[in-house]
Structures are given as structure tokens and as C-alpha cells.
Protein backbone atom coordinates (compact mmCIF):
# COMPACT_ATOMS: atom_id res chain seq x y z
CA UNK A 1 -194.02 -32.73 -63.27
CA UNK A 2 -196.80 -30.18 -62.95
CA UNK A 3 -196.71 -26.80 -64.67
CA UNK A 4 -196.33 -25.13 -61.27
CA UNK A 5 -193.34 -27.22 -60.24
CA UNK A 6 -191.81 -26.81 -63.70
CA UNK A 7 -192.16 -23.05 -63.43
CA UNK A 8 -190.66 -23.10 -59.93
CA UNK A 9 -187.71 -24.98 -61.40
CA UNK A 10 -187.31 -22.33 -64.10
CA UNK A 11 -187.49 -19.58 -61.47
CA UNK A 12 -184.86 -21.30 -59.35
CA UNK A 13 -182.56 -21.75 -62.34
CA UNK A 14 -182.92 -18.07 -63.25
CA UNK A 15 -182.25 -16.99 -59.67
CA UNK A 16 -179.15 -19.21 -59.53
CA UNK A 17 -177.88 -17.74 -62.81
CA UNK A 18 -178.57 -14.23 -61.54
CA UNK A 19 -176.70 -14.86 -58.30
CA UNK A 20 -173.73 -16.79 -59.68
CA UNK A 21 -173.16 -15.24 -63.11
CA UNK A 22 -175.10 -12.11 -63.91
CA UNK A 23 -174.78 -10.04 -60.72
CA UNK A 24 -171.06 -10.66 -60.18
CA UNK A 25 -170.32 -9.65 -63.76
CA UNK A 26 -172.61 -6.61 -63.60
CA UNK A 27 -171.12 -5.46 -60.31
CA UNK A 28 -167.63 -5.87 -61.77
CA UNK A 29 -168.64 -3.74 -64.75
CA UNK A 30 -170.07 -1.09 -62.44
CA UNK A 31 -166.86 -1.01 -60.42
CA UNK A 32 -164.75 -0.56 -63.58
CA UNK A 33 -167.09 2.14 -64.88
CA UNK A 34 -167.01 3.96 -61.55
CA UNK A 35 -163.21 3.99 -61.93
CA UNK A 36 -163.59 5.73 -65.29
CA UNK A 37 -163.18 2.80 -67.66
CA UNK A 38 -165.35 2.25 -70.72
CA UNK A 39 -167.42 -0.78 -71.61
CA UNK A 40 -165.78 -3.29 -73.91
CA UNK A 41 -167.64 -4.77 -76.85
CA UNK A 42 -167.96 -7.98 -74.80
CA UNK A 43 -169.52 -5.99 -71.94
CA UNK A 44 -172.00 -4.39 -74.34
CA UNK A 45 -172.96 -7.77 -75.79
CA UNK A 46 -173.48 -9.12 -72.28
CA UNK A 47 -175.73 -6.18 -71.41
CA UNK A 48 -177.75 -6.71 -74.57
CA UNK A 49 -178.24 -10.40 -73.76
CA UNK A 50 -179.30 -9.65 -70.19
CA UNK A 51 -181.74 -6.94 -71.28
CA UNK A 52 -183.24 -9.27 -73.90
CA UNK A 53 -183.62 -11.99 -71.26
CA UNK A 54 -185.22 -9.51 -68.86
CA UNK A 55 -187.83 -8.64 -71.47
CA UNK A 56 -188.73 -12.33 -71.74
CA UNK A 57 -189.18 -12.66 -67.97
CA UNK A 58 -192.05 -10.16 -67.72
CA UNK A 59 -194.86 -12.74 -68.08
CA UNK A 60 -193.33 -14.79 -65.26
CA UNK A 61 -193.10 -11.68 -63.07
CA UNK A 62 -196.77 -11.03 -63.74
CA UNK A 63 -197.56 -14.49 -62.37
CA UNK A 64 -195.11 -14.17 -59.45
CA UNK A 65 -195.19 -10.56 -58.25
CA UNK A 66 -193.12 -11.49 -55.19
CA UNK A 67 -190.05 -11.28 -57.46
CA UNK A 68 -190.83 -7.80 -58.78
CA UNK A 69 -188.80 -5.97 -56.08
CA UNK A 70 -185.74 -8.05 -57.00
CA UNK A 71 -186.30 -7.37 -60.69
CA UNK A 72 -186.61 -3.65 -59.98
CA UNK A 73 -183.28 -3.66 -58.12
CA UNK A 74 -181.56 -5.44 -60.99
CA UNK A 75 -183.06 -2.99 -63.50
CA UNK A 76 -181.86 -0.10 -61.37
CA UNK A 77 -178.33 -1.55 -61.38
CA UNK A 78 -178.39 -1.81 -65.17
CA UNK A 79 -179.65 1.77 -65.44
CA UNK A 80 -176.71 2.88 -63.29
CA UNK A 81 -174.31 0.88 -65.47
CA UNK A 82 -175.60 2.32 -68.73
CA UNK A 83 -175.72 5.89 -67.37
CA UNK A 84 -172.12 5.65 -66.14
CA UNK A 85 -171.02 4.05 -69.42
CA UNK A 86 -172.52 6.96 -71.36
CA UNK A 87 -170.89 9.47 -69.05
CA UNK A 88 -167.50 7.77 -69.47
CA UNK A 89 -167.88 7.73 -73.25
CA UNK A 90 -168.64 11.44 -73.21
CA UNK A 91 -165.43 12.19 -71.35
CA UNK A 92 -163.22 11.02 -74.20
């Protein structure tokens, strides 16, 4: 397998994980936060793991700028989640 096809496989695996696991969970968190709930410790650990993984993806995004708009949308979602989580914490 060439480096290019290996990297395409990694990209596809990351996109599948994003679609099937990460986005549904993040959207569920956002929905709960919008209803006034607070993040659980499990939610916070999940966010930390996703943010750490996003930091590791930057070199791949540099090589494949066609995925940068998607990455920006995901980052925006996480910014909304963290902002709403902080707001909900402040209400208590």
C-alpha cells in the first residue's frame, strides 16, 4: 500500500468515526445543553479526547485542505457546546 492510499484510508476511517460516533454524541450534548442541562464528567472527558484528536489532525489538514471547511464546522460546533456549557454552569 502506498503512503497516499494509506493516508486516504486513515482519512476515511476518521470521517466514518466523525459521522457515526462523534457528531451524534456532540449534537446530543448540544441539545441537552440548549435545554439547560450541564455537562457530565463523561461528557467533559469526551470533549477533551475529541479536542486532543483534533490537534493531532492539523498536519493532515495541511496536506488535504479540502477538508478544512468540514473541520471548521466541527470546531464551531464544539465552540458552541463549550460556550453553552459555561453559560449553564454560571446559572447555578
